């Protein structure tokens, strides 16, 4: 089981970077999306913070 943890963490990091890149492109392409994307980003950061707290246990 211990070898599965780094793979899952790597996949989470890659998906997060892909999501951040997509959001950055969308805001760059359509500036009117900046307010909704900011709210969505705050929600994603909250989920990441909760996962970090759970993972630290």
PDB file of N, CA and C in Angstrom:
ATOM      1  N   UNK A   1       0.804  -1.204   0.000  1.00  0.00           N
ATOM      2  CA  UNK A   1       0.000   0.000   0.000  1.00  0.00           C
ATOM      3  C   UNK A   1       0.848   1.269   0.000  1.00  0.00           C
ATOM      4  N   UNK A   2       2.023   1.210   0.592  1.00  0.00           N
ATOM      5  CA  UNK A   2       2.826   2.424   0.702  1.00  0.00           C
ATOM      6  C   UNK A   2       3.314   2.930  -0.660  1.00  0.00           C
ATOM      7  N   UNK A   3       3.467   2.058  -1.638  1.00  0.00           N
ATOM      8  CA  UNK A   3       3.907   2.525  -2.954  1.00  0.00           C
ATOM      9  C   UNK A   3       2.767   3.185  -3.727  1.00  0.00           C
ATOM     10  N   UNK A   4       1.542   2.993  -3.278  1.00  0.00           N
ATOM     11  CA  UNK A   4       0.398   3.602  -3.941  1.00  0.00           C
ATOM     12  C   UNK A   4       0.246   5.079  -3.572  1.00  0.00           C
ATOM     13  N   UNK A   5       0.672   5.452  -2.397  1.00  0.00           N
ATOM     14  CA  UNK A   5       0.502   6.828  -1.923  1.00  0.00           C
ATOM     15  C   UNK A   5       1.248   7.843  -2.795  1.00  0.00           C
ATOM     16  N   UNK A   6       2.526   7.646  -3.147  1.00  0.00           N
ATOM     17  CA  UNK A   6       3.191   8.631  -4.020  1.00  0.00           C
ATOM     18  C   UNK A   6       2.553   8.744  -5.402  1.00  0.00           C
ATOM     19  N   UNK A   7       2.038   7.647  -5.919  1.00  0.00           N
ATOM     20  CA  UNK A   7       1.394   7.687  -7.228  1.00  0.00           C
ATOM     21  C   UNK A   7       0.124   8.517  -7.164  1.00  0.00           C
ATOM     22  N   UNK A   8      -0.661   8.328  -6.126  1.00  0.00           N
ATOM     23  CA  UNK A   8      -1.893   9.100  -5.954  1.00  0.00           C
ATOM     24  C   UNK A   8      -1.567  10.575  -5.763  1.00  0.00           C
ATOM     25  N   UNK A   9      -0.548  10.886  -4.979  1.00  0.00           N
ATOM     26  CA  UNK A   9      -0.153  12.283  -4.777  1.00  0.00           C
ATOM     27  C   UNK A   9       0.322  12.916  -6.078  1.00  0.00           C
ATOM     28  N   UNK A  10       1.086  12.173  -6.870  1.00  0.00           N
ATOM     29  CA  UNK A  10       1.541  12.685  -8.157  1.00  0.00           C
ATOM     30  C   UNK A  10       0.363  12.973  -9.074  1.00  0.00           C
ATOM     31  N   UNK A  11      -0.604  12.069  -9.117  1.00  0.00           N
ATOM     32  CA  UNK A  11      -1.778  12.292  -9.945  1.00  0.00           C
ATOM     33  C   UNK A  11      -2.583  13.490  -9.464  1.00  0.00           C
ATOM     34  N   UNK A  12      -2.712  13.666  -8.150  1.00  0.00           N
ATOM     35  CA  UNK A  12      -3.425  14.837  -7.625  1.00  0.00           C
ATOM     36  C   UNK A  12      -2.723  16.128  -8.013  1.00  0.00           C
ATOM     37  N   UNK A  13      -1.399  16.138  -7.951  1.00  0.00           N
ATOM     38  CA  UNK A  13      -0.645  17.335  -8.322  1.00  0.00           C
ATOM     39  C   UNK A  13      -0.814  17.621  -9.812  1.00  0.00           C
ATOM     40  N   UNK A  14      -0.728  16.591 -10.635  1.00  0.00           N
ATOM     41  CA  UNK A  14      -0.868  16.800 -12.073  1.00  0.00           C
ATOM     42  C   UNK A  14      -2.259  17.291 -12.448  1.00  0.00           C
ATOM     43  N   UNK A  15      -3.284  16.722 -11.848  1.00  0.00           N
ATOM     44  CA  UNK A  15      -4.646  17.163 -12.134  1.00  0.00           C
ATOM     45  C   UNK A  15      -4.859  18.589 -11.659  1.00  0.00           C
ATOM     46  N   UNK A  16      -4.302  18.930 -10.502  1.00  0.00           N
ATOM     47  CA  UNK A  16      -4.431  20.295  -9.984  1.00  0.00           C
ATOM     48  C   UNK A  16      -3.739  21.291 -10.910  1.00  0.00           C
ATOM     49  N   UNK A  17      -2.555  20.957 -11.406  1.00  0.00           N
ATOM     50  CA  UNK A  17      -1.856  21.843 -12.335  1.00  0.00           C
ATOM     51  C   UNK A  17      -2.615  21.984 -13.653  1.00  0.00           C
ATOM     52  N   UNK A  18      -3.191  20.895 -14.131  1.00  0.00           N
ATOM     53  CA  UNK A  18      -3.984  20.949 -15.352  1.00  0.00           C
ATOM     54  C   UNK A  18      -5.215  21.824 -15.159  1.00  0.00           C
ATOM     55  N   UNK A  19      -5.875  21.673 -14.019  1.00  0.00           N
ATOM     56  CA  UNK A  19      -7.040  22.492 -13.717  1.00  0.00           C
ATOM     57  C   UNK A  19      -6.662  23.968 -13.602  1.00  0.00           C
ATOM     58  N   UNK A  20      -5.558  24.257 -12.917  1.00  0.00           N
ATOM     59  CA  UNK A  20      -5.119  25.642 -12.771  1.00  0.00           C
ATOM     60  C   UNK A  20      -4.754  26.244 -14.127  1.00  0.00           C
ATOM     61  N   UNK A  21      -4.116  25.472 -14.986  1.00  0.00           N
ATOM     62  CA  UNK A  21      -3.776  25.964 -16.320  1.00  0.00           C
ATOM     63  C   UNK A  21      -5.019  26.245 -17.150  1.00  0.00           C
ATOM     64  N   UNK A  22      -5.995  25.365 -17.062  1.00  0.00           N
ATOM     65  CA  UNK A  22      -7.246  25.575 -17.791  1.00  0.00           C
ATOM     66  C   UNK A  22      -7.996  26.799 -17.309  1.00  0.00           C
ATOM     67  N   UNK A  23      -8.033  26.984 -16.006  1.00  0.00           N
ATOM     68  CA  UNK A  23      -8.708  28.161 -15.449  1.00  0.00           C
ATOM     69  C   UNK A  23      -7.958  29.433 -15.838  1.00  0.00           C
ATOM     70  N   UNK A  24      -6.628  29.376 -15.780  1.00  0.00           N
ATOM     71  CA  UNK A  24      -5.841  30.538 -16.181  1.00  0.00           C
ATOM     72  C   UNK A  24      -6.060  30.896 -17.640  1.00  0.00           C
ATOM     73  N   UNK A  25      -6.130  29.898 -18.492  1.00  0.00           N
ATOM     74  CA  UNK A  25      -6.388  30.156 -19.914  1.00  0.00           C
ATOM     75  C   UNK A  25      -7.777  30.754 -20.118  1.00  0.00           C
ATOM     76  N   UNK A  26      -8.784  30.216 -19.409  1.00  0.00           N
ATOM     77  CA  UNK A  26     -10.151  30.717 -19.558  1.00  0.00           C
ATOM     78  C   UNK A  26     -10.254  32.175 -19.124  1.00  0.00           C
ATOM     79  N   UNK A  27      -9.598  32.530 -18.024  1.00  0.00           N
ATOM     80  CA  UNK A  27      -9.642  33.922 -17.558  1.00  0.00           C
ATOM     81  C   UNK A  27      -8.880  34.828 -18.519  1.00  0.00           C
ATOM     82  N   UNK A  28      -7.770  34.328 -19.061  1.00  0.00           N
ATOM     83  CA  UNK A  28      -7.012  35.132 -20.019  1.00  0.00           C
ATOM     84  C   UNK A  28      -7.817  35.346 -21.305  1.00  0.00           C
ATOM     85  N   UNK A  29      -8.511  34.322 -21.731  1.00  0.00           N
ATOM     86  CA  UNK A  29      -9.279  34.394 -22.973  1.00  0.00           C
ATOM     87  C   UNK A  29     -10.579  35.181 -22.807  1.00  0.00           C
ATOM     88  N   UNK A  30     -11.243  35.002 -21.669  1.00  0.00           N
ATOM     89  CA  UNK A  30     -12.530  35.660 -21.391  1.00  0.00           C
ATOM     90  C   UNK A  30     -12.433  36.395 -20.055  1.00  0.00           C
ATOM     91  N   UNK A  31     -12.007  37.651 -20.054  1.00  0.00           N
ATOM     92  CA  UNK A  31     -11.802  38.383 -18.800  1.00  0.00           C
ATOM     93  C   UNK A  31     -13.064  38.531 -17.944  1.00  0.00           C
ATOM     94  N   UNK A  32     -14.242  38.404 -18.526  1.00  0.00           N
ATOM     95  CA  UNK A  32     -15.470  38.535 -17.733  1.00  0.00           C
ATOM     96  C   UNK A  32     -15.641  37.382 -16.749  1.00  0.00           C
ATOM     97  N   UNK A  33     -14.888  36.317 -16.919  1.00  0.00           N
ATOM     98  CA  UNK A  33     -15.004  35.161 -16.030  1.00  0.00           C
ATOM     99  C   UNK A  33     -14.182  35.296 -14.751  1.00  0.00           C
ATOM    100  N   UNK A  34     -13.500  36.404 -14.570  1.00  0.00           N
ATOM    101  CA  UNK A  34     -12.576  36.495 -13.440  1.00  0.00           C
ATOM    102  C   UNK A  34     -13.275  36.386 -12.090  1.00  0.00           C
ATOM    103  N   UNK A  35     -14.455  36.967 -11.914  1.00  0.00           N
ATOM    104  CA  UNK A  35     -15.145  36.888 -10.621  1.00  0.00           C
ATOM    105  C   UNK A  35     -15.655  35.477 -10.330  1.00  0.00           C
ATOM    106  N   UNK A  36     -16.355  34.799 -11.253  1.00  0.00           N
ATOM    107  CA  UNK A  36     -16.777  33.423 -10.949  1.00  0.00           C
ATOM    108  C   UNK A  36     -15.605  32.462 -10.754  1.00  0.00           C
ATOM    109  N   UNK A  37     -14.542  32.663 -11.505  1.00  0.00           N
ATOM    110  CA  UNK A  37     -13.387  31.783 -11.367  1.00  0.00           C
ATOM    111  C   UNK A  37     -12.706  32.007 -10.024  1.00  0.00           C
ATOM    112  N   UNK A  38     -12.696  33.235  -9.537  1.00  0.00           N
ATOM    113  CA  UNK A  38     -12.124  33.513  -8.227  1.00  0.00           C
ATOM    114  C   UNK A  38     -12.904  32.777  -7.140  1.00  0.00           C
ATOM    115  N   UNK A  39     -14.211  32.786  -7.224  1.00  0.00           N
ATOM    116  CA  UNK A  39     -15.033  32.071  -6.251  1.00  0.00           C
ATOM    117  C   UNK A  39     -14.806  30.563  -6.348  1.00  0.00           C
ATOM    118  N   UNK A  40     -14.718  30.047  -7.570  1.00  0.00           N
ATOM    119  CA  UNK A  40     -14.465  28.618  -7.750  1.00  0.00           C
ATOM    120  C   UNK A  40     -13.072  28.253  -7.235  1.00  0.00           C
ATOM    121  N   UNK A  41     -12.110  29.122  -7.460  1.00  0.00           N
ATOM    122  CA  UNK A  41     -10.759  28.882  -6.951  1.00  0.00           C
ATOM    123  C   UNK A  41     -10.712  28.847  -5.444  1.00  0.00           C
ATOM    124  N   UNK A  42     -11.471  29.709  -4.811  1.00  0.00           N
ATOM    125  CA  UNK A  42     -11.535  29.698  -3.346  1.00  0.00           C
ATOM    126  C   UNK A  42     -12.134  28.389  -2.844  1.00  0.00           C
ATOM    127  N   UNK A  43     -13.138  27.887  -3.536  1.00  0.00           N
ATOM    128  CA  UNK A  43     -13.739  26.606  -3.149  1.00  0.00           C
ATOM    129  C   UNK A  43     -12.739  25.461  -3.319  1.00  0.00           C
ATOM    130  N   UNK A  44     -11.994  25.490  -4.417  1.00  0.00           N
ATOM    131  CA  UNK A  44     -10.984  24.454  -4.640  1.00  0.00           C
ATOM    132  C   UNK A  44      -9.899  24.526  -3.569  1.00  0.00           C
ATOM    133  N   UNK A  45      -9.477  25.722  -3.204  1.00  0.00           N
ATOM    134  CA  UNK A  45      -8.467  25.869  -2.157  1.00  0.00           C
ATOM    135  C   UNK A  45      -8.969  25.343  -0.815  1.00  0.00           C
ATOM    136  N   UNK A  46     -10.244  25.525  -0.538  1.00  0.00           N
ATOM    137  CA  UNK A  46     -10.823  24.999   0.689  1.00  0.00           C
ATOM    138  C   UNK A  46     -10.785  23.474   0.691  1.00  0.00           C
ATOM    139  N   UNK A  47     -11.112  22.862  -0.432  1.00  0.00           N
ATOM    140  CA  UNK A  47     -11.070  21.403  -0.537  1.00  0.00           C
ATOM    141  C   UNK A  47      -9.629  20.898  -0.378  1.00  0.00           C
ATOM    142  N   UNK A  48      -8.688  21.570  -0.995  1.00  0.00           N
ATOM    143  CA  UNK A  48      -7.286  21.175  -0.876  1.00  0.00           C
ATOM    144  C   UNK A  48      -6.799  21.304   0.558  1.00  0.00           C
ATOM    145  N   UNK A  49      -7.204  22.362   1.242  1.00  0.00           N
ATOM    146  CA  UNK A  49      -6.822  22.536   2.635  1.00  0.00           C
ATOM    147  C   UNK A  49      -7.385  21.415   3.505  1.00  0.00           C
ATOM    148  N   UNK A  50      -8.634  21.043   3.262  1.00  0.00           N
ATOM    149  CA  UNK A  50      -9.232  19.944   4.023  1.00  0.00           C
ATOM    150  C   UNK A  50      -8.516  18.628   3.742  1.00  0.00           C
ATOM    151  N   UNK A  51      -8.173  18.377   2.488  1.00  0.00           N
ATOM    152  CA  UNK A  51      -7.440  17.157   2.151  1.00  0.00           C
ATOM    153  C   UNK A  51      -6.053  17.153   2.784  1.00  0.00           C
ATOM    154  N   UNK A  52      -5.410  18.313   2.867  1.00  0.00           N
ATOM    155  CA  UNK A  52      -4.096  18.400   3.494  1.00  0.00           C
ATOM    156  C   UNK A  52      -4.192  18.099   4.988  1.00  0.00           C
ATOM    157  N   UNK A  53      -5.242  18.593   5.625  1.00  0.00           N
ATOM    158  CA  UNK A  53      -5.411  18.322   7.049  1.00  0.00           C
ATOM    159  C   UNK A  53      -5.678  16.840   7.268  1.00  0.00           C
ATOM    160  N   UNK A  54      -6.505  16.240   6.429  1.00  0.00           N
ATOM    161  CA  UNK A  54      -6.812  14.820   6.567  1.00  0.00           C
ATOM    162  C   UNK A  54      -5.542  13.995   6.283  1.00  0.00           C
ATOM    163  N   UNK A  55      -4.782  14.389   5.286  1.00  0.00           N
ATOM    164  CA  UNK A  55      -3.575  13.666   4.935  1.00  0.00           C
ATOM    165  C   UNK A  55      -2.474  13.783   5.971  1.00  0.00           C
ATOM    166  N   UNK A  56      -2.464  14.835   6.743  1.00  0.00           N
ATOM    167  CA  UNK A  56      -1.434  15.036   7.757  1.00  0.00           C
ATOM    168  C   UNK A  56      -1.665  14.164   8.987  1.00  0.00           C
ATOM    169  N   UNK A  57      -2.858  13.636   9.119  1.00  0.00           N
ATOM    170  CA  UNK A  57      -3.164  12.819  10.294  1.00  0.00           C
ATOM    171  C   UNK A  57      -2.545  11.488  10.251  1.00  0.00           C
TER     172      UNK A  57
END
